[in-house]
C-alpha cells in the first residue's frame, strides 16, 4: 500500500483512521493485509493510502456514505474492529469527510 490512490473526480468520501498501536503484532499485520484485500472487493471502494511511524494513518476512499456503512458492517471487518479495540490500538480516531476537490502532479 505504498502508492497514492487513483481516485475519480470528486465528490467522493474519505474515511481517515488515525491510530496508536499497542506493543507487539498479535496477528495485526495479517489482519491489516486481509482487510485491505477485502475492502478492495467491496462495492463503492475507490482506493486506500496508509503510512505508519509513531502515528498510523490510513485513508480509504469510497463512492458514498452507504458504501462506507456497508463496509463498517461487514462481518470480517466487525471482527477486525473488535480485535482492534481489545488488543491492537491504545488510541484511535475515525473521521469521515466528503472530498470536494483534488489536484496533484
C-alpha atoms as a PDB file:
ATOM      1  CA  UNK A   1       0.000   0.000   0.000  1.00  0.00           C
ATOM      2  CA  UNK A   2       2.716   2.484  -0.814  1.00  0.00           C
ATOM      3  CA  UNK A   3       1.173   4.134  -3.869  1.00  0.00           C
ATOM      4  CA  UNK A   4      -1.171   7.104  -3.973  1.00  0.00           C
ATOM      5  CA  UNK A   5      -4.752   6.030  -4.639  1.00  0.00           C
ATOM      6  CA  UNK A   6      -6.078   6.757  -8.115  1.00  0.00           C
ATOM      7  CA  UNK A   7      -9.449   8.276  -7.246  1.00  0.00           C
ATOM      8  CA  UNK A   8     -12.152   9.594  -9.602  1.00  0.00           C
ATOM      9  CA  UNK A   9     -13.295  13.181  -9.974  1.00  0.00           C
ATOM     10  CA  UNK A  10     -14.823  14.458  -6.711  1.00  0.00           C
ATOM     11  CA  UNK A  11     -17.082  14.355  -4.904  1.00  0.00           C
ATOM     12  CA  UNK A  12     -16.389  11.129  -3.060  1.00  0.00           C
ATOM     13  CA  UNK A  13     -15.713  10.243   0.578  1.00  0.00           C
ATOM     14  CA  UNK A  14     -12.640   9.565   2.699  1.00  0.00           C
ATOM     15  CA  UNK A  15     -12.515   7.505   5.877  1.00  0.00           C
ATOM     16  CA  UNK A  16      -9.494   8.689   7.859  1.00  0.00           C
ATOM     17  CA  UNK A  17      -8.277   6.251  10.510  1.00  0.00           C
ATOM     18  CA  UNK A  18      -5.550   7.578  12.829  1.00  0.00           C
ATOM     19  CA  UNK A  19      -4.142   5.238  15.464  1.00  0.00           C
ATOM     20  CA  UNK A  20      -1.532   4.453  18.062  1.00  0.00           C
ATOM     21  CA  UNK A  21      -0.674   0.752  18.244  1.00  0.00           C
ATOM     22  CA  UNK A  22      -0.037  -1.360  21.303  1.00  0.00           C
ATOM     23  CA  UNK A  23       3.271  -3.236  21.564  1.00  0.00           C
ATOM     24  CA  UNK A  24       3.671  -6.452  19.580  1.00  0.00           C
ATOM     25  CA  UNK A  25       1.929  -7.734  16.471  1.00  0.00           C
ATOM     26  CA  UNK A  26      -0.641 -10.180  17.918  1.00  0.00           C
ATOM     27  CA  UNK A  27      -1.882 -11.003  14.407  1.00  0.00           C
ATOM     28  CA  UNK A  28      -2.237  -7.358  13.375  1.00  0.00           C
ATOM     29  CA  UNK A  29      -0.167  -7.491  10.161  1.00  0.00           C
ATOM     30  CA  UNK A  30      -2.082 -10.450   8.748  1.00  0.00           C
ATOM     31  CA  UNK A  31      -5.442  -8.872   9.601  1.00  0.00           C
ATOM     32  CA  UNK A  32      -4.420  -5.492   8.147  1.00  0.00           C
ATOM     33  CA  UNK A  33      -3.445  -7.201   4.887  1.00  0.00           C
ATOM     34  CA  UNK A  34      -6.723  -9.153   4.826  1.00  0.00           C
ATOM     35  CA  UNK A  35      -8.796  -6.010   5.478  1.00  0.00           C
ATOM     36  CA  UNK A  36      -7.056  -4.129   2.639  1.00  0.00           C
ATOM     37  CA  UNK A  37      -7.725  -7.042   0.267  1.00  0.00           C
ATOM     38  CA  UNK A  38     -11.330  -7.430   1.411  1.00  0.00           C
ATOM     39  CA  UNK A  39     -12.103  -3.698   1.289  1.00  0.00           C
ATOM     40  CA  UNK A  40     -10.920  -3.622  -2.330  1.00  0.00           C
ATOM     41  CA  UNK A  41     -13.680  -6.101  -3.256  1.00  0.00           C
ATOM     42  CA  UNK A  42     -16.492  -4.062  -1.710  1.00  0.00           C
ATOM     43  CA  UNK A  43     -18.988  -2.091  -3.820  1.00  0.00           C
ATOM     44  CA  UNK A  44     -18.138   1.595  -3.778  1.00  0.00           C
ATOM     45  CA  UNK A  45     -14.469   1.147  -2.789  1.00  0.00           C
ATOM     46  CA  UNK A  46     -12.125   3.568  -4.590  1.00  0.00           C
ATOM     47  CA  UNK A  47      -8.692   3.081  -3.024  1.00  0.00           C
ATOM     48  CA  UNK A  48      -6.505   3.257   0.080  1.00  0.00           C
ATOM     49  CA  UNK A  49      -3.388   5.028   1.341  1.00  0.00           C
ATOM     50  CA  UNK A  50      -1.556   4.148   4.534  1.00  0.00           C
ATOM     51  CA  UNK A  51       1.516   5.241   6.493  1.00  0.00           C
ATOM     52  CA  UNK A  52       2.800   4.226   9.899  1.00  0.00           C
ATOM     53  CA  UNK A  53       5.521   5.624  12.081  1.00  0.00           C
ATOM     54  CA  UNK A  54       4.710   6.619  15.652  1.00  0.00           C
ATOM     55  CA  UNK A  55       1.208   7.544  14.459  1.00  0.00           C
ATOM     56  CA  UNK A  56      -0.544   5.355  11.892  1.00  0.00           C
ATOM     57  CA  UNK A  57      -2.843   6.933   9.329  1.00  0.00           C
ATOM     58  CA  UNK A  58      -4.926   5.002   6.824  1.00  0.00           C
ATOM     59  CA  UNK A  59      -7.274   6.762   4.434  1.00  0.00           C
ATOM     60  CA  UNK A  60      -9.751   4.725   2.429  1.00  0.00           C
ATOM     61  CA  UNK A  61     -11.842   6.285  -0.333  1.00  0.00           C
ATOM     62  CA  UNK A  62     -15.458   5.447  -1.105  1.00  0.00           C
ATOM     63  CA  UNK A  63     -18.158   6.460  -3.594  1.00  0.00           C
ATOM     64  CA  UNK A  64     -20.823   7.057  -0.945  1.00  0.00           C
ATOM     65  CA  UNK A  65     -21.731   7.118   2.730  1.00  0.00           C
ATOM     66  CA  UNK A  66     -23.804   3.985   2.089  1.00  0.00           C
ATOM     67  CA  UNK A  67     -20.706   2.138   0.820  1.00  0.00           C
ATOM     68  CA  UNK A  68     -18.856   3.183   3.985  1.00  0.00           C
ATOM     69  CA  UNK A  69     -21.718   1.952   6.192  1.00  0.00           C
ATOM     70  CA  UNK A  70     -21.798  -1.377   4.382  1.00  0.00           C
ATOM     71  CA  UNK A  71     -18.050  -1.814   4.856  1.00  0.00           C
ATOM     72  CA  UNK A  72     -18.297  -0.954   8.556  1.00  0.00           C
ATOM     73  CA  UNK A  73     -20.965  -3.680   8.955  1.00  0.00           C
ATOM     74  CA  UNK A  74     -19.091  -6.402   7.029  1.00  0.00           C
ATOM     75  CA  UNK A  75     -18.702  -9.463   9.281  1.00  0.00           C
ATOM     76  CA  UNK A  76     -14.930  -9.838   8.884  1.00  0.00           C
ATOM     77  CA  UNK A  77     -14.424  -6.102   9.338  1.00  0.00           C
ATOM     78  CA  UNK A  78     -16.529  -6.208  12.521  1.00  0.00           C
ATOM     79  CA  UNK A  79     -14.178  -8.895  13.884  1.00  0.00           C
ATOM     80  CA  UNK A  80     -11.129  -6.773  12.995  1.00  0.00           C
ATOM     81  CA  UNK A  81     -12.724  -3.815  14.787  1.00  0.00           C
ATOM     82  CA  UNK A  82     -13.375  -5.950  17.861  1.00  0.00           C
ATOM     83  CA  UNK A  83      -9.768  -7.145  17.952  1.00  0.00           C
ATOM     84  CA  UNK A  84      -8.526  -3.609  17.376  1.00  0.00           C
ATOM     85  CA  UNK A  85     -10.441  -2.371  20.410  1.00  0.00           C
ATOM     86  CA  UNK A  86      -9.236  -5.296  22.534  1.00  0.00           C
ATOM     87  CA  UNK A  87      -5.579  -5.686  21.608  1.00  0.00           C
ATOM     88  CA  UNK A  88      -4.121  -3.654  18.725  1.00  0.00           C
ATOM     89  CA  UNK A  89      -4.824   0.011  19.470  1.00  0.00           C
ATOM     90  CA  UNK A  90      -4.115   2.102  22.542  1.00  0.00           C
ATOM     91  CA  UNK A  91      -5.937   5.031  20.880  1.00  0.00           C
ATOM     92  CA  UNK A  92      -7.646   5.733  17.567  1.00  0.00           C
ATOM     93  CA  UNK A  93      -9.965   8.124  15.773  1.00  0.00           C
ATOM     94  CA  UNK A  94     -12.144   7.602  12.711  1.00  0.00           C
ATOM     95  CA  UNK A  95     -13.119  10.629  10.669  1.00  0.00           C
ATOM     96  CA  UNK A  96     -15.328  10.653   7.591  1.00  0.00           C
ATOM     97  CA  UNK A  97     -15.059  13.520   5.125  1.00  0.00           C
ATOM     98  CA  UNK A  98     -16.500  14.428   1.746  1.00  0.00           C
ATOM     99  CA  UNK A  99     -13.767  15.202  -0.779  1.00  0.00           C
ATOM    100  CA  UNK A 100     -14.779  18.278  -2.761  1.00  0.00           C
ATOM    101  CA  UNK A 101     -11.592  18.974  -4.651  1.00  0.00           C
ATOM    102  CA  UNK A 102      -8.478  17.050  -5.687  1.00  0.00           C
ATOM    103  CA  UNK A 103      -5.335  18.069  -7.541  1.00  0.00           C
ATOM    104  CA  UNK A 104      -1.738  16.932  -7.946  1.00  0.00           C
ATOM    105  CA  UNK A 105       1.039  16.428 -10.428  1.00  0.00           C
END
